[in-house]
Amino acid sequence: MAKKLKSRYWSIIAYPDSVADGWKDILTSTGLCMAISPLHEYDLDPEGEDGTLKKPHWHILVCFDGPTTKDCVSDIAERIG
């Protein structure tokens, strides 16, 4: 039987064109400690040779009290879009 990956710290990438309205409130309502980066609008695509920009996004770090599975984090990510 495969062992499920668990961690206290998980990261989520969120895109402005796909997050739910009030996504920050949804995250806050979980009661978890978290950090949300400023919007990354000017990251260059490392594979692009012509200075192509990556799609704008936020990095979100979510911290749990103890080891948590990917399934739990996926539920939160789906709720914010």
PDB file of N, CA and C in Angstrom:
ATOM      1  N   MET A   1       0.838  -1.168   0.000  1.00  0.00           N
ATOM      2  CA  MET A   1       0.000   0.000   0.000  1.00  0.00           C
ATOM      3  C   MET A   1       0.893   1.245   0.000  1.00  0.00           C
ATOM      4  N   ALA A   2       0.573   2.186  -0.848  1.00  0.00           N
ATOM      5  CA  ALA A   2       1.373   3.402  -0.959  1.00  0.00           C
ATOM      6  C   ALA A   2       1.140   4.308   0.245  1.00  0.00           C
ATOM      7  N   LYS A   3       2.208   4.873   0.733  1.00  0.00           N
ATOM      8  CA  LYS A   3       2.128   5.784   1.863  1.00  0.00           C
ATOM      9  C   LYS A   3       1.713   7.169   1.359  1.00  0.00           C
ATOM     10  N   LYS A   4       0.728   7.789   2.032  1.00  0.00           N
ATOM     11  CA  LYS A   4       0.270   9.114   1.622  1.00  0.00           C
ATOM     12  C   LYS A   4       1.274  10.181   2.051  1.00  0.00           C
ATOM     13  N   LEU A   5       1.531  11.109   1.164  1.00  0.00           N
ATOM     14  CA  LEU A   5       2.415  12.221   1.448  1.00  0.00           C
ATOM     15  C   LEU A   5       1.746  13.144   2.456  1.00  0.00           C
ATOM     16  N   LYS A   6       2.453  13.491   3.511  1.00  0.00           N
ATOM     17  CA  LYS A   6       1.942  14.406   4.521  1.00  0.00           C
ATOM     18  C   LYS A   6       2.987  15.482   4.798  1.00  0.00           C
ATOM     19  N   SER A   7       2.492  16.675   5.124  1.00  0.00           N
ATOM     20  CA  SER A   7       3.378  17.776   5.483  1.00  0.00           C
ATOM     21  C   SER A   7       2.583  18.789   6.297  1.00  0.00           C
ATOM     22  N   ARG A   8       3.274  19.594   7.065  1.00  0.00           N
ATOM     23  CA  ARG A   8       2.625  20.697   7.791  1.00  0.00           C
ATOM     24  C   ARG A   8       2.530  21.930   6.905  1.00  0.00           C
ATOM     25  N   TYR A   9       3.399  22.027   5.921  1.00  0.00           N
ATOM     26  CA  TYR A   9       3.476  23.220   5.081  1.00  0.00           C
ATOM     27  C   TYR A   9       3.172  22.855   3.632  1.00  0.00           C
ATOM     28  N   TRP A  10       2.232  23.580   3.037  1.00  0.00           N
ATOM     29  CA  TRP A  10       1.845  23.333   1.661  1.00  0.00           C
ATOM     30  C   TRP A  10       1.779  24.662   0.916  1.00  0.00           C
ATOM     31  N   SER A  11       2.058  24.620  -0.366  1.00  0.00           N
ATOM     32  CA  SER A  11       1.948  25.838  -1.171  1.00  0.00           C
ATOM     33  C   SER A  11       0.881  25.658  -2.241  1.00  0.00           C
ATOM     34  N   ILE A  12       0.247  26.757  -2.557  1.00  0.00           N
ATOM     35  CA  ILE A  12      -0.805  26.799  -3.576  1.00  0.00           C
ATOM     36  C   ILE A  12      -0.467  27.963  -4.495  1.00  0.00           C
ATOM     37  N   ILE A  13      -0.683  27.792  -5.777  1.00  0.00           N
ATOM     38  CA  ILE A  13      -0.551  28.890  -6.739  1.00  0.00           C
ATOM     39  C   ILE A  13      -1.969  29.292  -7.134  1.00  0.00           C
ATOM     40  N   ALA A  14      -2.272  30.583  -7.059  1.00  0.00           N
ATOM     41  CA  ALA A  14      -3.597  31.088  -7.417  1.00  0.00           C
ATOM     42  C   ALA A  14      -3.463  32.123  -8.525  1.00  0.00           C
ATOM     43  N   TYR A  15      -4.363  32.054  -9.488  1.00  0.00           N
ATOM     44  CA  TYR A  15      -4.344  32.953 -10.640  1.00  0.00           C
ATOM     45  C   TYR A  15      -5.521  33.918 -10.573  1.00  0.00           C
ATOM     46  N   PRO A  16      -5.303  35.220 -10.815  1.00  0.00           N
ATOM     47  CA  PRO A  16      -6.380  36.207 -10.724  1.00  0.00           C
ATOM     48  C   PRO A  16      -7.596  35.885 -11.586  1.00  0.00           C
ATOM     49  N   ASP A  17      -7.376  35.255 -12.734  1.00  0.00           N
ATOM     50  CA  ASP A  17      -8.510  34.984 -13.625  1.00  0.00           C
ATOM     51  C   ASP A  17      -9.301  33.731 -13.244  1.00  0.00           C
ATOM     52  N   SER A  18      -8.880  33.029 -12.181  1.00  0.00           N
ATOM     53  CA  SER A  18      -9.617  31.813 -11.824  1.00  0.00           C
ATOM     54  C   SER A  18      -9.972  31.702 -10.345  1.00  0.00           C
ATOM     55  N   VAL A  19      -9.556  32.662  -9.507  1.00  0.00           N
ATOM     56  CA  VAL A  19      -9.914  32.577  -8.089  1.00  0.00           C
ATOM     57  C   VAL A  19     -11.362  33.001  -7.880  1.00  0.00           C
ATOM     58  N   ALA A  20     -11.962  32.454  -6.845  1.00  0.00           N
ATOM     59  CA  ALA A  20     -13.341  32.783  -6.500  1.00  0.00           C
ATOM     60  C   ALA A  20     -13.406  34.191  -5.905  1.00  0.00           C
ATOM     61  N   ASP A  21     -14.569  34.831  -6.040  1.00  0.00           N
ATOM     62  CA  ASP A  21     -14.766  36.100  -5.356  1.00  0.00           C
ATOM     63  C   ASP A  21     -14.604  35.851  -3.859  1.00  0.00           C
ATOM     64  N   GLY A  22     -13.898  36.717  -3.181  1.00  0.00           N
ATOM     65  CA  GLY A  22     -13.698  36.583  -1.747  1.00  0.00           C
ATOM     66  C   GLY A  22     -12.764  35.446  -1.368  1.00  0.00           C
ATOM     67  N   TRP A  23     -11.830  35.111  -2.254  1.00  0.00           N
ATOM     68  CA  TRP A  23     -10.946  33.969  -1.989  1.00  0.00           C
ATOM     69  C   TRP A  23     -10.085  34.171  -0.751  1.00  0.00           C
ATOM     70  N   LYS A  24      -9.696  35.407  -0.474  1.00  0.00           N
ATOM     71  CA  LYS A  24      -8.901  35.648   0.733  1.00  0.00           C
ATOM     72  C   LYS A  24      -9.744  35.414   1.988  1.00  0.00           C
ATOM     73  N   ASP A  25     -11.024  35.775   1.932  1.00  0.00           N
ATOM     74  CA  ASP A  25     -11.926  35.509   3.058  1.00  0.00           C
ATOM     75  C   ASP A  25     -12.119  34.013   3.257  1.00  0.00           C
ATOM     76  N   ILE A  26     -12.182  33.268   2.159  1.00  0.00           N
ATOM     77  CA  ILE A  26     -12.310  31.807   2.248  1.00  0.00           C
ATOM     78  C   ILE A  26     -11.082  31.234   2.952  1.00  0.00           C
ATOM     79  N   LEU A  27      -9.912  31.696   2.579  1.00  0.00           N
ATOM     80  CA  LEU A  27      -8.687  31.229   3.231  1.00  0.00           C
ATOM     81  C   LEU A  27      -8.675  31.605   4.712  1.00  0.00           C
ATOM     82  N   THR A  28      -9.040  32.836   5.013  1.00  0.00           N
ATOM     83  CA  THR A  28      -9.050  33.302   6.399  1.00  0.00           C
ATOM     84  C   THR A  28     -10.016  32.476   7.246  1.00  0.00           C
ATOM     85  N   SER A  29     -11.152  32.087   6.666  1.00  0.00           N
ATOM     86  CA  SER A  29     -12.160  31.327   7.416  1.00  0.00           C
ATOM     87  C   SER A  29     -11.666  29.936   7.828  1.00  0.00           C
ATOM     88  N   THR A  30     -10.582  29.448   7.227  1.00  0.00           N
ATOM     89  CA  THR A  30     -10.044  28.143   7.616  1.00  0.00           C
ATOM     90  C   THR A  30      -9.358  28.215   8.982  1.00  0.00           C
ATOM     91  N   GLY A  31      -8.963  29.408   9.398  1.00  0.00           N
ATOM     92  CA  GLY A  31      -8.273  29.568  10.671  1.00  0.00           C
ATOM     93  C   GLY A  31      -6.813  29.146  10.640  1.00  0.00           C
ATOM     94  N   LEU A  32      -6.315  28.815   9.467  1.00  0.00           N
ATOM     95  CA  LEU A  32      -4.923  28.379   9.332  1.00  0.00           C
ATOM     96  C   LEU A  32      -3.984  29.575   9.231  1.00  0.00           C
ATOM     97  N   CYS A  33      -2.750  29.371   9.663  1.00  0.00           N
ATOM     98  CA  CYS A  33      -1.712  30.369   9.424  1.00  0.00           C
ATOM     99  C   CYS A  33      -1.335  30.290   7.952  1.00  0.00           C
ATOM    100  N   MET A  34      -1.130  31.451   7.351  1.00  0.00           N
ATOM    101  CA  MET A  34      -0.775  31.450   5.932  1.00  0.00           C
ATOM    102  C   MET A  34      -0.027  32.711   5.571  1.00  0.00           C
ATOM    103  N   ALA A  35       0.599  32.659   4.439  1.00  0.00           N
ATOM    104  CA  ALA A  35       1.276  33.822   3.861  1.00  0.00           C
ATOM    105  C   ALA A  35       0.888  33.878   2.388  1.00  0.00           C
ATOM    106  N   ILE A  36       0.577  35.082   1.924  1.00  0.00           N
ATOM    107  CA  ILE A  36       0.207  35.284   0.519  1.00  0.00           C
ATOM    108  C   ILE A  36       1.188  36.292  -0.070  1.00  0.00           C
ATOM    109  N   SER A  37       1.825  35.897  -1.154  1.00  0.00           N
ATOM    110  CA  SER A  37       2.802  36.784  -1.794  1.00  0.00           C
ATOM    111  C   SER A  37       2.081  37.942  -2.480  1.00  0.00           C
ATOM    112  N   PRO A  38       2.822  38.996  -2.792  1.00  0.00           N
ATOM    113  CA  PRO A  38       2.267  40.008  -3.699  1.00  0.00           C
ATOM    114  C   PRO A  38       1.999  39.344  -5.055  1.00  0.00           C
ATOM    115  N   LEU A  39       1.154  39.955  -5.852  1.00  0.00           N
ATOM    116  CA  LEU A  39       0.861  39.417  -7.182  1.00  0.00           C
ATOM    117  C   LEU A  39       2.135  39.432  -8.024  1.00  0.00           C
ATOM    118  N   HIS A  40       2.496  38.281  -8.566  1.00  0.00           N
ATOM    119  CA  HIS A  40       3.657  38.168  -9.450  1.00  0.00           C
ATOM    120  C   HIS A  40       3.184  38.419 -10.884  1.00  0.00           C
ATOM    121  N   GLU A  41       3.384  39.636 -11.348  1.00  0.00           N
ATOM    122  CA  GLU A  41       2.923  40.019 -12.687  1.00  0.00           C
ATOM    123  C   GLU A  41       4.045  40.074 -13.710  1.00  0.00           C
ATOM    124  N   TYR A  42       5.276  40.085 -13.224  1.00  0.00           N
ATOM    125  CA  TYR A  42       6.390  40.335 -14.128  1.00  0.00           C
ATOM    126  C   TYR A  42       7.430  39.224 -14.152  1.00  0.00           C
ATOM    127  N   ASP A  43       7.029  38.017 -13.734  1.00  0.00           N
ATOM    128  CA  ASP A  43       7.959  36.886 -13.781  1.00  0.00           C
ATOM    129  C   ASP A  43       8.172  36.470 -15.231  1.00  0.00           C
ATOM    130  N   LEU A  44       9.422  36.292 -15.587  1.00  0.00           N
ATOM    131  CA  LEU A  44       9.733  35.858 -16.952  1.00  0.00           C
ATOM    132  C   LEU A  44       9.659  34.344 -17.049  1.00  0.00           C
ATOM    133  N   ASP A  45       9.143  33.873 -18.153  1.00  0.00           N
ATOM    134  CA  ASP A  45       9.086  32.446 -18.426  1.00  0.00           C
ATOM    135  C   ASP A  45      10.502  31.974 -18.747  1.00  0.00           C
ATOM    136  N   PRO A  46      11.050  31.056 -17.929  1.00  0.00           N
ATOM    137  CA  PRO A  46      12.434  30.622 -18.162  1.00  0.00           C
ATOM    138  C   PRO A  46      12.609  29.883 -19.478  1.00  0.00           C
ATOM    139  N   GLU A  47      11.529  29.366 -20.037  1.00  0.00           N
ATOM    140  CA  GLU A  47      11.625  28.652 -21.318  1.00  0.00           C
ATOM    141  C   GLU A  47      11.451  29.592 -22.503  1.00  0.00           C
ATOM    142  N   GLY A  48      10.948  30.786 -22.233  1.00  0.00           N
ATOM    143  CA  GLY A  48      10.754  31.750 -23.312  1.00  0.00           C
ATOM    144  C   GLY A  48      12.037  32.487 -23.610  1.00  0.00           C
ATOM    145  N   GLU A  49      12.433  32.515 -24.843  1.00  0.00           N
ATOM    146  CA  GLU A  49      13.679  33.178 -25.223  1.00  0.00           C
ATOM    147  C   GLU A  49      13.450  34.638 -25.594  1.00  0.00           C
ATOM    148  N   ASP A  50      12.182  35.033 -25.665  1.00  0.00           N
ATOM    149  CA  ASP A  50      11.874  36.385 -26.120  1.00  0.00           C
ATOM    150  C   ASP A  50      11.340  37.284 -25.000  1.00  0.00           C
ATOM    151  N   GLY A  51      11.591  36.928 -23.748  1.00  0.00           N
ATOM    152  CA  GLY A  51      11.127  37.744 -22.632  1.00  0.00           C
ATOM    153  C   GLY A  51       9.649  37.576 -22.321  1.00  0.00           C
ATOM    154  N   THR A  52       9.092  36.442 -22.683  1.00  0.00           N
ATOM    155  CA  THR A  52       7.692  36.157 -22.423  1.00  0.00           C
ATOM    156  C   THR A  52       7.430  36.128 -20.916  1.00  0.00           C
ATOM    157  N   LEU A  53       6.334  36.768 -20.507  1.00  0.00           N
ATOM    158  CA  LEU A  53       5.969  36.787 -19.100  1.00  0.00           C
ATOM    159  C   LEU A  53       5.124  35.565 -18.737  1.00  0.00           C
ATOM    160  N   LYS A  54       5.303  35.105 -17.501  1.00  0.00           N
ATOM    161  CA  LYS A  54       4.433  34.057 -16.978  1.00  0.00           C
ATOM    162  C   LYS A  54       3.064  34.666 -16.693  1.00  0.00           C
ATOM    163  N   LYS A  55       2.073  33.806 -16.564  1.00  0.00           N
ATOM    164  CA  LYS A  55       0.729  34.236 -16.211  1.00  0.00           C
ATOM    165  C   LYS A  55       0.772  34.830 -14.789  1.00  0.00           C
ATOM    166  N   PRO A  56       0.127  35.995 -14.535  1.00  0.00           N
ATOM    167  CA  PRO A  56       0.130  36.568 -13.188  1.00  0.00           C
ATOM    168  C   PRO A  56      -0.402  35.574 -12.157  1.00  0.00           C
ATOM    169  N   HIS A  57       0.199  35.570 -10.962  1.00  0.00           N
ATOM    170  CA  HIS A  57      -0.185  34.587  -9.942  1.00  0.00           C
ATOM    171  C   HIS A  57       0.268  35.029  -8.556  1.00  0.00           C
ATOM    172  N   TRP A  58      -0.340  34.399  -7.545  1.00  0.00           N
ATOM    173  CA  TRP A  58       0.089  34.556  -6.155  1.00  0.00           C
ATOM    174  C   TRP A  58       0.634  33.221  -5.677  1.00  0.00           C
ATOM    175  N   HIS A  59       1.585  33.260  -4.764  1.00  0.00           N
ATOM    176  CA  HIS A  59       2.053  32.077  -4.052  1.00  0.00           C
ATOM    177  C   HIS A  59       1.405  32.133  -2.677  1.00  0.00           C
ATOM    178  N   ILE A  60       0.806  31.035  -2.256  1.00  0.00           N
ATOM    179  CA  ILE A  60       0.166  30.961  -0.948  1.00  0.00           C
ATOM    180  C   ILE A  60       0.817  29.823  -0.177  1.00  0.00           C
ATOM    181  N   LEU A  61       1.283  30.114   1.010  1.00  0.00           N
ATOM    182  CA  LEU A  61       1.837  29.096   1.903  1.00  0.00           C
ATOM    183  C   LEU A  61       0.828  28.894   3.019  1.00  0.00           C
ATOM    184  N   VAL A  62       0.374  27.646   3.188  1.00  0.00           N
ATOM    185  CA  VAL A  62      -0.599  27.303   4.217  1.00  0.00           C
ATOM    186  C   VAL A  62       0.095  26.417   5.245  1.00  0.00           C
ATOM    187  N   CYS A  63      -0.072  26.754   6.534  1.00  0.00           N
ATOM    188  CA  CYS A  63       0.598  26.028   7.618  1.00  0.00           C
ATOM    189  C   CYS A  63      -0.445  25.350   8.508  1.00  0.00           C
ATOM    190  N   PHE A  64      -0.320  24.047   8.678  1.00  0.00           N
ATOM    191  CA  PHE A  64      -1.224  23.267   9.516  1.00  0.00           C
ATOM    192  C   PHE A  64      -0.562  22.976  10.862  1.00  0.00           C
ATOM    193  N   ASP A  65      -1.381  22.615  11.868  1.00  0.00           N
ATOM    194  CA  ASP A  65      -0.859  22.288  13.194  1.00  0.00           C
ATOM    195  C   ASP A  65      -0.043  21.002  13.198  1.00  0.00           C
ATOM    196  N   GLY A  66      -0.368  20.098  12.298  1.00  0.00           N
ATOM    197  CA  GLY A  66       0.335  18.826  12.225  1.00  0.00           C
ATOM    198  C   GLY A  66       0.355  18.337  10.788  1.00  0.00           C
ATOM    199  N   PRO A  67       0.932  17.163  10.562  1.00  0.00           N
ATOM    200  CA  PRO A  67       0.988  16.620   9.207  1.00  0.00           C
ATOM    201  C   PRO A  67      -0.408  16.490   8.589  1.00  0.00           C
ATOM    202  N   THR A  68      -0.540  16.942   7.361  1.00  0.00           N
ATOM    203  CA  THR A  68      -1.811  16.956   6.647  1.00  0.00           C
ATOM    204  C   THR A  68      -1.589  16.399   5.246  1.00  0.00           C
ATOM    205  N   THR A  69      -2.574  15.677   4.741  1.00  0.00           N
ATOM    206  CA  THR A  69      -2.446  15.061   3.428  1.00  0.00           C
ATOM    207  C   THR A  69      -2.783  16.051   2.310  1.00  0.00           C
ATOM    208  N   LYS A  70      -2.374  15.686   1.128  1.00  0.00           N
ATOM    209  CA  LYS A  70      -2.648  16.482  -0.067  1.00  0.00           C
ATOM    210  C   LYS A  70      -4.152  16.631  -0.290  1.00  0.00           C
ATOM    211  N   ASP A  71      -4.935  15.618   0.082  1.00  0.00           N
ATOM    212  CA  ASP A  71      -6.385  15.685  -0.113  1.00  0.00           C
ATOM    213  C   ASP A  71      -6.996  16.869   0.624  1.00  0.00           C
ATOM    214  N   CYS A  72      -6.559  17.110   1.840  1.00  0.00           N
ATOM    215  CA  CYS A  72      -7.068  18.235   2.637  1.00  0.00           C
ATOM    216  C   CYS A  72      -6.698  19.563   1.978  1.00  0.00           C
ATOM    217  N   VAL A  73      -5.483  19.673   1.511  1.00  0.00           N
ATOM    218  CA  VAL A  73      -5.022  20.896   0.868  1.00  0.00           C
ATOM    219  C   VAL A  73      -5.747  21.096  -0.461  1.00  0.00           C
ATOM    220  N   SER A  74      -5.985  20.031  -1.188  1.00  0.00           N
ATOM    221  CA  SER A  74      -6.701  20.112  -2.454  1.00  0.00           C
ATOM    222  C   SER A  74      -8.108  20.658  -2.250  1.00  0.00           C
ATOM    223  N   ASP A  75      -8.737  20.278  -1.145  1.00  0.00           N
ATOM    224  CA  ASP A  75     -10.077  20.781  -0.834  1.00  0.00           C
ATOM    225  C   ASP A  75     -10.050  22.297  -0.666  1.00  0.00           C
ATOM    226  N   ILE A  76      -9.060  22.797   0.048  1.00  0.00           N
ATOM    227  CA  ILE A  76      -8.936  24.238   0.245  1.00  0.00           C
ATOM    228  C   ILE A  76      -8.660  24.940  -1.095  1.00  0.00           C
ATOM    229  N   ALA A  77      -7.750  24.371  -1.878  1.00  0.00           N
ATOM    230  CA  ALA A  77      -7.409  24.959  -3.177  1.00  0.00           C
ATOM    231  C   ALA A  77      -8.633  25.009  -4.088  1.00  0.00           C
ATOM    232  N   GLU A  78      -9.458  23.981  -4.075  1.00  0.00           N
ATOM    233  CA  GLU A  78     -10.672  23.971  -4.899  1.00  0.00           C
ATOM    234  C   GLU A  78     -11.665  25.038  -4.447  1.00  0.00           C
ATOM    235  N   ARG A  79     -11.739  25.247  -3.135  1.00  0.00           N
ATOM    236  CA  ARG A  79     -12.677  26.248  -2.609  1.00  0.00           C
ATOM    237  C   ARG A  79     -12.301  27.670  -3.040  1.00  0.00           C
ATOM    238  N   ILE A  80     -11.013  27.946  -3.178  1.00  0.00           N
ATOM    239  CA  ILE A  80     -10.603  29.291  -3.601  1.00  0.00           C
ATOM    240  C   ILE A  80     -10.526  29.421  -5.122  1.00  0.00           C
ATOM    241  N   GLY A  81     -10.627  28.286  -5.797  1.00  0.00           N
ATOM    242  CA  GLY A  81     -10.619  28.322  -7.253  1.00  0.00           C
ATOM    243  C   GLY A  81      -9.280  28.001  -7.821  1.00  0.00           C
TER     244      GLY A  81
END
